[in-house]
Amino acid sequence: MTMQLNNNIRFKADAQAAAIPVNNVNYNNRYTPPMPQEMPADDVFMMQAMAEQRAEKQAKSQQNWNKVGVAAQVGIALGFLTTAALGVLGAIGLKKFGKAAAAGNHANDELKALTKVNLKWEDFGTQKTVAPLDSKTTAKSLKKAFDNIISNLGLSDDAKKWGGVGNNIDIMYLYGHGGTGKTYVAKQFAQETGSMFTCIKYPDLGSPYKDAASMRISSCFDEIIAKANAQKDKKFVVCIDEIDAVMRKVPDGQHGAEEVAKSRAAVLTGLDKLRDKCANVTVIATSNYHPKNGIVDPIALRRFNNKIEVPLPNKKQISALLEMYLKDIGAIDKDKFFKSSEFKSFVSKLEREGYSNGEVELIAKEAGKIFGSSLKKVSDSDLKKHPFKVKYLQEAMKMNGEAASKTNKLMDVKKGSGSGSNNDPVGKLTFWQKLAVLFSKH
């Protein structure tokens, strides 16, 4: 029933359409069904609108595709630039890292150079290059003090235990006027005990860089400990020259006080390490300061269990020194010259004036130069007519001026503190001179 009604409606519509005249119109090159004549204008506008909409959609679609293409190209370009930039930055970073690593290695090398001190070791026990302790040039008081120390070094373990002698190392403080041969005496001790010897000169440890001096001192002691422990069957003597450079009391706030304090702490710490770890090491520190004059830090001096004075030479030592330094002068008749009253009088004057070993050496060498200059116009056949005389020594003495000990206050101590006989001007006089002074007071 329903199908029949639909067919009837369709037949009526076709009949109506056939009764209305139509125009056949071709839009967009295609055939369209005929439409009633009363509606053609509206259809055209509708079709144009649709066409415009399709064109607009195509244009937008094209624009979107263009944007996507541009974005893709920009992305590719940015990706390429980013990759290139990362590559460049990576190369620069590697280069800088390499430079930084090289700079770091260089800095470490510089730090090692600043803090490392290569100690020079000498074997005086076998070389025998200095005079023995019992020579005429060495003071008897000094030899006696050293003999006591050396005797303890030669004791057996049972004897040390029986006598209460510990295995702690000896730390000596040698003091005296400049030029008395304190470092030379340390070499004599090393030779006497058959020890390896090294000398640490504090001026060589100084540095303009902060904390470098204290680091170098610590490095020295570490090297000594390593060498002594590696050769426990050997003995070692370490001389610290001019230790007063770090042992002086410097007031707080004074320029350089902090660095001196750090260096002193490094020395004292190093001495404690040696005492604890090395029984085969003897430390000998030299100084121009008397331990009782209050200039050297008394707390630091407690580390030294032996304080030994190296005195100015007496007549016998001065005579022996002059003989040693003048032995190469062939113009000297040794049997007559050194026994003459004129030479003995000159030696007494040197002792009375307080000349040190070093100053006696300078006088002897300068006298040799003066004598040599007097032989310039002398022929070889007439050399024997020009012997060496004491006047050349007297001229050299005038050129060198008065003894440094006369103006040196480093060895002065307070009254009652016990000064050495060499610091007492009356003690240097002969018996008759003392007698004359005594009568002059009355």
Protein backbone atom coordinates (compact mmCIF):
# COMPACT_ATOMS: atom_id res chain seq x y z
CA MET A 1 0.00 0.00 0.00
CA THR A 2 2.71 2.41 0.96
CA MET A 3 4.77 1.56 -2.14
CA GLN A 4 1.80 2.32 -4.38
CA LEU A 5 1.27 5.77 -2.84
CA ASN A 6 4.94 6.68 -3.35
CA ASN A 7 4.80 5.68 -6.96
CA ASN A 8 1.72 7.80 -7.47
CA ILE A 9 3.42 10.87 -6.01
CA ARG A 10 6.45 10.29 -8.23
CA PHE A 11 4.29 9.98 -11.33
CA LYS A 12 2.49 13.19 -10.48
CA ALA A 13 5.77 15.06 -9.99
CA ASP A 14 7.10 13.82 -13.31
CA ALA A 15 3.90 14.86 -15.01
CA GLN A 16 4.11 18.34 -13.53
CA ALA A 17 7.72 18.65 -14.51
CA ALA A 18 6.95 17.58 -18.04
CA ALA A 19 4.21 20.18 -18.29
CA ILE A 20 6.59 23.04 -17.30
CA PRO A 21 8.97 24.19 -20.02
CA VAL A 22 12.64 24.18 -18.85
CA ASN A 23 15.99 25.39 -20.11
CA ASN A 24 18.82 22.96 -20.32
CA VAL A 25 21.81 24.62 -18.43
CA ASN A 26 25.37 23.30 -18.29
CA TYR A 27 27.18 24.43 -15.10
CA ASN A 28 30.86 23.70 -14.69
CA ASN A 29 30.89 21.68 -17.91
CA ARG A 30 28.46 19.17 -16.66
CA TYR A 31 24.88 18.43 -17.43
CA THR A 32 22.30 19.37 -14.79
CA PRO A 33 18.70 18.38 -14.68
CA PRO A 34 16.26 20.91 -16.00
CA MET A 35 14.77 23.25 -13.45
CA PRO A 36 11.72 25.38 -13.49
CA GLN A 37 12.01 28.70 -15.29
CA GLU A 38 10.77 30.65 -12.30
CA MET A 39 13.92 29.65 -10.19
CA PRO A 40 17.01 29.99 -12.47
CA ALA A 41 18.50 33.18 -10.89
CA ASP A 42 18.42 31.85 -7.39
CA ASP A 43 20.11 28.65 -8.48
CA VAL A 44 22.90 30.50 -10.26
CA PHE A 45 23.71 32.58 -7.22
CA MET A 46 23.61 29.47 -5.06
CA MET A 47 25.98 27.65 -7.37
CA GLN A 48 28.34 30.64 -7.47
CA ALA A 49 28.28 30.78 -3.69
CA MET A 50 29.09 27.12 -3.52
CA ALA A 51 31.86 27.56 -6.05
CA GLU A 52 33.28 30.44 -4.07
CA GLN A 53 33.09 28.40 -0.90
CA ARG A 54 34.94 25.53 -2.60
CA ALA A 55 37.54 27.97 -3.95
CA GLU A 56 37.92 29.54 -0.53
CA LYS A 57 38.33 26.13 1.04
CA GLN A 58 40.92 25.17 -1.57
CA ALA A 59 42.76 28.47 -0.97
CA LYS A 60 42.74 27.93 2.78
CA SER A 61 43.84 24.36 2.30
CA GLN A 62 46.62 25.56 0.01
CA GLN A 63 47.60 28.20 2.54
CA ASN A 64 47.66 25.60 5.31
CA TRP A 65 49.80 23.32 3.17
CA ASN A 66 52.09 26.24 2.42
CA LYS A 67 52.36 27.01 6.13
CA VAL A 68 53.11 23.39 6.87
CA GLY A 69 55.77 23.40 4.17
CA VAL A 70 57.32 26.60 5.47
CA ALA A 71 57.20 25.28 9.03
CA ALA A 72 58.80 22.04 7.89
CA GLN A 73 61.53 23.93 6.06
CA VAL A 74 62.09 26.21 9.05
CA GLY A 75 62.22 23.18 11.33
CA ILE A 76 64.72 21.44 9.09
CA ALA A 77 66.80 24.60 8.92
CA LEU A 78 66.63 25.07 12.69
CA GLY A 79 67.51 21.45 13.22
CA PHE A 80 70.50 21.80 10.95
CA LEU A 81 71.59 25.03 12.62
CA THR A 82 71.10 23.51 16.10
CA THR A 83 73.13 20.47 15.14
CA ALA A 84 75.85 22.67 13.68
CA ALA A 85 75.82 24.91 16.76
CA LEU A 86 76.04 21.94 19.09
CA GLY A 87 78.90 20.59 17.06
CA VAL A 88 80.74 23.93 17.21
CA LEU A 89 80.05 24.35 20.93
CA GLY A 90 81.15 20.78 21.53
CA ALA A 91 84.39 21.41 19.67
CA ILE A 92 84.95 24.64 21.59
CA GLY A 93 84.11 22.89 24.85
CA LEU A 94 86.54 20.09 24.13
CA LYS A 95 89.19 22.60 23.23
CA LYS A 96 88.56 24.60 26.38
CA PHE A 97 88.46 21.44 28.44
CA GLY A 98 91.74 20.41 26.93
CA LYS A 99 93.18 23.82 27.69
CA ALA A 100 91.74 23.72 31.19
CA ALA A 101 93.20 20.26 31.74
CA ALA A 102 96.54 21.42 30.36
CA ALA A 103 96.33 24.54 32.50
CA GLY A 104 95.47 22.39 35.50
CA ASN A 105 98.45 20.12 34.86
CA HIS A 106 100.65 23.16 34.35
CA ALA A 107 99.33 24.66 37.57
CA ASN A 108 100.08 21.41 39.40
CA ASP A 109 103.59 21.39 37.94
CA GLU A 110 104.08 24.99 39.05
CA LEU A 111 102.78 24.15 42.52
CA LYS A 112 105.18 21.21 42.74
CA ALA A 113 108.02 23.47 41.59
CA LEU A 114 107.09 26.01 44.25
CA THR A 115 106.81 23.50 47.07
CA LYS A 116 109.41 20.91 46.09
CA VAL A 117 112.98 21.23 47.36
CA ASN A 118 115.60 18.84 46.04
CA LEU A 119 117.96 18.15 48.90
CA LYS A 120 121.61 17.49 48.10
CA TRP A 121 123.06 14.65 50.15
CA GLU A 122 126.79 14.29 50.80
CA ASP A 123 128.62 11.34 52.31
CA PHE A 124 131.23 12.94 54.56
CA GLY A 125 131.72 9.61 56.31
CA THR A 126 133.60 8.26 53.27
CA GLN A 127 134.72 11.46 51.52
CA LYS A 128 136.59 12.91 54.53
CA THR A 129 136.56 16.40 53.03
CA VAL A 130 136.50 18.38 56.30
CA ALA A 131 138.88 18.52 59.22
CA PRO A 132 138.27 15.99 62.02
CA LEU A 133 136.72 17.11 65.29
CA ASP A 134 140.01 16.63 67.13
CA SER A 135 141.89 19.01 64.82
CA LYS A 136 143.57 22.13 66.16
CA THR A 137 140.98 24.32 64.46
CA THR A 138 138.09 22.98 66.57
CA ALA A 139 137.37 24.29 70.06
CA LYS A 140 137.93 21.75 72.84
CA SER A 141 134.61 22.62 74.49
CA LEU A 142 132.82 21.86 71.24
CA LYS A 143 134.62 18.56 70.79
CA LYS A 144 133.78 17.51 74.35
CA ALA A 145 130.08 18.26 73.84
CA PHE A 146 130.02 16.28 70.62
CA ASP A 147 131.90 13.36 72.15
CA ASN A 148 129.13 12.86 74.71
CA ILE A 149 126.51 12.73 71.95
CA ILE A 150 128.58 10.45 69.72
CA SER A 151 129.24 8.06 72.62
CA ASN A 152 125.50 7.63 73.14
CA LEU A 153 125.02 6.94 69.43
CA GLY A 154 127.48 4.05 69.66
CA LEU A 155 125.76 2.26 72.55
CA SER A 156 124.14 -1.11 72.05
CA ASP A 157 120.42 -1.59 72.65
CA ASP A 158 121.08 -3.29 76.01
CA ALA A 159 123.44 -0.52 77.08
CA LYS A 160 120.89 2.12 76.06
CA LYS A 161 118.23 0.37 78.11
CA TRP A 162 120.56 -0.06 81.07
CA GLY A 163 121.64 3.56 80.95
CA GLY A 164 118.16 4.92 80.27
CA VAL A 165 119.18 6.28 76.90
CA GLY A 166 116.16 6.41 74.60
CA ASN A 167 116.04 6.04 70.86
CA ASN A 168 114.87 9.60 70.31
CA ILE A 169 116.90 11.56 67.84
CA ASP A 170 119.28 14.32 68.92
CA ILE A 171 118.19 17.83 67.98
CA MET A 172 121.00 20.34 68.51
CA TYR A 173 120.94 24.13 68.55
CA LEU A 174 124.38 25.45 67.59
CA TYR A 175 124.72 29.16 68.31
CA GLY A 176 127.55 31.62 68.06
CA HIS A 177 128.83 34.72 66.31
CA GLY A 178 128.62 34.84 62.55
CA GLY A 179 131.58 33.17 60.88
CA THR A 180 132.50 30.81 63.72
CA GLY A 181 131.94 27.83 61.42
CA LYS A 182 128.69 26.41 62.77
CA THR A 183 127.74 24.74 59.47
CA TYR A 184 131.29 23.45 59.10
CA VAL A 185 131.04 21.93 62.58
CA ALA A 186 127.84 20.16 61.55
CA LYS A 187 129.76 18.63 58.64
CA GLN A 188 132.50 17.55 61.04
CA PHE A 189 129.90 15.80 63.20
CA ALA A 190 128.48 14.01 60.14
CA GLN A 191 131.97 12.91 59.15
CA GLU A 192 132.75 11.72 62.67
CA THR A 193 129.57 9.63 62.85
CA GLY A 194 129.79 8.34 59.26
CA SER A 195 126.47 9.94 58.35
CA MET A 196 124.89 11.20 55.16
CA PHE A 197 124.66 15.00 55.33
CA THR A 198 122.30 17.59 53.89
CA CYS A 199 121.92 21.27 54.64
CA ILE A 200 118.64 23.18 54.46
CA LYS A 201 119.28 26.87 54.00
CA TYR A 202 116.18 28.79 54.95
CA PRO A 203 116.79 31.62 52.41
CA ASP A 204 116.41 28.96 49.70
CA LEU A 205 112.99 28.08 51.11
CA GLY A 206 111.65 31.62 50.98
CA SER A 207 109.00 32.49 48.40
CA PRO A 208 106.91 35.56 47.49
CA TYR A 209 103.85 33.32 47.23
CA LYS A 210 101.54 32.88 50.21
CA ASP A 211 102.11 29.69 52.22
CA ALA A 212 104.78 28.49 49.74
CA ALA A 213 107.61 28.67 52.31
CA SER A 214 105.78 26.54 54.90
CA MET A 215 104.81 24.03 52.20
CA ARG A 216 108.43 23.76 51.07
CA ILE A 217 109.56 23.16 54.65
CA SER A 218 107.01 20.37 55.03
CA SER A 219 108.16 18.90 51.71
CA CYS A 220 111.77 18.87 52.96
CA PHE A 221 110.90 16.97 56.12
CA ASP A 222 108.77 14.48 54.18
CA GLU A 223 111.71 13.78 51.87
CA ILE A 224 114.06 13.32 54.83
CA ILE A 225 111.67 10.90 56.55
CA ALA A 226 111.22 8.88 53.35
CA LYS A 227 114.99 8.63 52.78
CA ALA A 228 115.79 7.75 56.40
CA ASN A 229 113.11 5.04 56.56
CA ALA A 230 114.22 3.59 53.24
CA GLN A 231 117.81 3.21 54.56
CA LYS A 232 117.45 2.39 58.23
CA ASP A 233 120.94 0.92 58.33
CA LYS A 234 122.46 4.36 57.68
CA LYS A 235 122.76 7.50 59.78
CA PHE A 236 121.70 10.95 58.59
CA VAL A 237 122.60 14.46 59.72
CA VAL A 238 120.27 17.28 58.72
CA CYS A 239 121.61 20.81 59.16
CA ILE A 240 119.04 23.63 59.23
CA ASP A 241 121.08 26.75 58.59
CA GLU A 242 120.00 30.12 60.05
CA ILE A 243 116.95 28.65 61.74
CA ASP A 244 116.44 31.94 63.58
CA ALA A 245 114.74 33.19 60.42
CA VAL A 246 111.65 31.30 61.59
CA MET A 247 112.40 31.02 65.30
CA ARG A 248 112.33 34.71 66.07
CA LYS A 249 109.37 36.13 67.94
CA VAL A 250 107.52 38.43 65.55
CA PRO A 251 104.80 40.62 67.11
CA ASP A 252 101.29 39.98 65.85
CA GLY A 253 100.24 42.43 63.19
CA GLN A 254 103.79 43.09 62.02
CA HIS A 255 104.38 42.63 58.30
CA GLY A 256 105.18 39.00 57.54
CA ALA A 257 104.28 37.78 61.04
CA GLU A 258 101.70 35.31 59.73
CA GLU A 259 104.11 33.73 57.23
CA VAL A 260 106.86 33.45 59.87
CA ALA A 261 104.40 31.78 62.25
CA LYS A 262 103.36 29.25 59.58
CA SER A 263 106.98 28.50 58.70
CA ARG A 264 107.87 28.05 62.38
CA ALA A 265 104.92 25.69 62.84
CA ALA A 266 106.06 23.70 59.78
CA VAL A 267 109.59 23.36 61.21
CA LEU A 268 108.39 22.29 64.65
CA THR A 269 105.92 19.82 63.14
CA GLY A 270 108.69 18.40 60.96
CA LEU A 271 110.97 17.98 63.99
CA ASP A 272 108.21 16.13 65.84
CA LYS A 273 107.70 13.84 62.85
CA LEU A 274 111.43 13.06 62.72
CA ARG A 275 111.50 12.37 66.44
CA ASP A 276 108.60 9.95 66.17
CA LYS A 277 109.46 8.17 62.91
CA CYS A 278 113.24 8.25 62.46
CA ALA A 279 115.75 7.10 65.08
CA ASN A 280 118.67 7.33 62.63
CA VAL A 281 118.50 11.10 62.06
CA THR A 282 120.35 13.87 63.92
CA VAL A 283 119.20 17.45 63.42
CA ILE A 284 121.65 20.32 63.85
CA ALA A 285 120.21 23.83 63.63
CA THR A 286 122.52 26.84 63.47
CA SER A 287 121.81 30.36 64.64
CA ASN A 288 123.58 33.63 65.41
CA TYR A 289 121.27 34.21 68.38
CA HIS A 290 122.05 33.26 71.96
CA PRO A 291 119.20 31.08 73.27
CA LYS A 292 118.87 33.25 76.40
CA ASN A 293 118.68 36.70 74.85
CA GLY A 294 114.89 36.52 74.48
CA ILE A 295 114.86 37.03 70.72
CA VAL A 296 114.43 33.39 69.77
CA ASP A 297 111.06 31.91 70.73
CA PRO A 298 111.68 29.96 73.98
CA ILE A 299 108.74 27.63 73.27
CA ALA A 300 110.31 26.60 69.98
CA LEU A 301 113.69 26.12 71.67
CA ARG A 302 112.21 23.38 73.84
CA ARG A 303 112.38 21.04 70.86
CA PHE A 304 116.20 21.16 71.07
CA ASN A 305 117.66 18.84 73.68
CA ASN A 306 121.23 20.13 73.14
CA LYS A 307 122.17 23.81 73.03
CA ILE A 308 125.87 24.12 72.21
CA GLU A 309 127.86 27.30 71.73
CA VAL A 310 130.40 27.50 68.93
CA PRO A 311 132.89 29.99 70.43
CA LEU A 312 135.19 32.43 68.74
CA PRO A 313 138.61 30.88 68.07
CA ASN A 314 141.39 31.19 70.62
CA LYS A 315 145.08 31.68 69.85
CA LYS A 316 145.80 28.03 69.09
CA GLN A 317 142.85 27.78 66.72
CA ILE A 318 143.65 31.08 64.97
CA SER A 319 147.26 29.97 64.47
CA ALA A 320 146.08 26.62 63.07
CA LEU A 321 143.59 28.38 60.78
CA LEU A 322 146.24 30.75 59.40
CA GLU A 323 148.60 27.84 58.79
CA MET A 324 145.85 26.01 56.92
CA TYR A 325 144.92 29.00 54.72
CA LEU A 326 148.52 30.09 54.05
CA LYS A 327 149.94 26.63 53.32
CA ASP A 328 149.97 27.19 49.53
CA ILE A 329 152.19 30.26 49.73
CA GLY A 330 155.66 29.01 48.87
CA ALA A 331 157.32 32.17 50.20
CA ILE A 332 156.56 31.15 53.80
CA ASP A 333 159.21 29.28 55.74
CA LYS A 334 156.89 27.26 57.97
CA ASP A 335 159.63 26.42 60.50
CA LYS A 336 160.39 30.09 61.09
CA PHE A 337 157.33 32.15 60.11
CA PHE A 338 154.67 30.53 62.34
CA LYS A 339 157.06 30.38 65.31
CA SER A 340 158.18 33.97 65.09
CA SER A 341 157.26 36.41 67.86
CA GLU A 342 155.79 38.80 65.29
CA PHE A 343 153.34 36.17 64.04
CA LYS A 344 152.36 35.15 67.59
CA SER A 345 151.76 38.79 68.48
CA PHE A 346 149.47 39.15 65.46
CA VAL A 347 147.55 36.01 66.45
CA SER A 348 147.06 37.37 69.98
CA LYS A 349 145.68 40.58 68.53
CA LEU A 350 143.15 38.65 66.42
CA GLU A 351 142.02 36.75 69.50
CA ARG A 352 141.82 39.91 71.62
CA GLU A 353 139.79 41.73 68.98
CA GLY A 354 137.36 38.81 68.66
CA TYR A 355 137.84 37.79 65.04
CA SER A 356 135.84 34.76 63.91
CA ASN A 357 136.97 31.77 61.84
CA GLY A 358 135.49 33.26 58.69
CA GLU A 359 137.17 36.61 59.26
CA VAL A 360 140.54 34.91 59.84
CA GLU A 361 140.08 33.12 56.52
CA LEU A 362 139.33 36.41 54.73
CA ILE A 363 142.41 38.05 56.25
CA ALA A 364 144.64 35.15 55.13
CA LYS A 365 143.32 35.16 51.57
CA GLU A 366 143.48 38.95 51.28
CA ALA A 367 147.07 38.90 52.57
CA GLY A 368 147.95 36.43 49.83
CA LYS A 369 146.51 38.80 47.20
CA ILE A 370 148.44 41.77 48.58
CA PHE A 371 151.64 39.76 48.60
CA GLY A 372 150.99 38.50 45.07
CA SER A 373 150.53 42.05 43.75
CA SER A 374 153.91 43.02 45.20
CA LEU A 375 155.59 40.39 42.96
CA LYS A 376 154.41 41.83 39.65
CA LYS A 377 157.69 43.53 38.80
CA VAL A 378 159.88 40.86 40.36
CA SER A 379 161.66 38.41 38.07
CA ASP A 380 161.49 34.70 38.78
CA SER A 381 165.19 34.63 39.65
CA ASP A 382 164.65 37.24 42.39
CA LEU A 383 161.53 35.69 44.00
CA LYS A 384 163.51 34.26 46.90
CA LYS A 385 164.53 37.77 47.88
CA HIS A 386 160.86 38.61 48.61
CA PRO A 387 159.56 36.41 51.45
CA PHE A 388 156.06 36.63 52.90
CA LYS A 389 155.89 38.84 55.96
CA VAL A 390 153.41 39.49 58.76
CA LYS A 391 152.92 43.03 57.46
CA TYR A 392 150.77 41.62 54.67
CA LEU A 393 148.47 40.06 57.26
CA GLN A 394 148.33 43.37 59.11
CA GLU A 395 147.40 45.23 55.93
CA ALA A 396 144.64 42.69 55.20
CA MET A 397 143.35 43.11 58.75
CA LYS A 398 143.05 46.86 58.24
CA MET A 399 141.23 46.37 54.96
CA ASN A 400 138.65 44.05 56.57
CA GLY A 401 138.03 46.41 59.47
CA GLU A 402 137.21 45.54 63.04
CA ALA A 403 135.74 42.20 64.04
CA ALA A 404 132.00 41.82 63.63
CA SER A 405 131.71 40.42 67.15
CA LYS A 406 132.53 43.84 68.61
CA THR A 407 129.29 45.32 67.27
CA ASN A 408 127.19 42.15 67.20
CA LYS A 409 124.41 42.23 69.81
CA LEU A 410 122.85 38.93 68.77
CA MET A 411 124.89 37.01 71.33
CA ASP A 412 124.24 39.43 74.17
CA VAL A 413 122.24 38.12 77.13
CA LYS A 414 120.76 39.77 80.18
CA LYS A 415 122.92 40.09 83.26
CA GLY A 416 122.88 36.95 85.32
CA SER A 417 121.83 34.83 82.35
CA GLY A 418 125.29 33.41 81.93
CA SER A 419 127.13 34.83 78.93
CA GLY A 420 130.05 33.05 77.39
CA SER A 421 133.62 34.00 78.10
CA ASN A 422 134.00 35.34 74.58
CA ASN A 423 131.34 37.96 75.33
CA ASP A 424 133.16 39.23 78.40
CA PRO A 425 135.69 41.89 77.32
CA VAL A 426 137.71 41.41 80.52
CA GLY A 427 137.77 37.66 79.96
CA LYS A 428 139.57 38.21 76.67
CA LEU A 429 142.45 40.10 78.28
CA THR A 430 145.74 38.56 79.29
CA PHE A 431 146.74 38.23 82.94
CA TRP A 432 148.86 41.42 82.86
CA GLN A 433 146.11 43.37 81.09
CA LYS A 434 143.57 42.27 83.72
CA LEU A 435 146.02 43.34 86.42
CA ALA A 436 146.41 46.75 84.78
CA VAL A 437 142.62 47.18 84.63
CA LEU A 438 142.34 46.24 88.31
CA PHE A 439 144.96 48.84 89.36
CA SER A 440 143.41 51.52 87.15
CA LYS A 441 140.08 51.16 89.02
CA HIS A 442 141.83 51.89 92.29
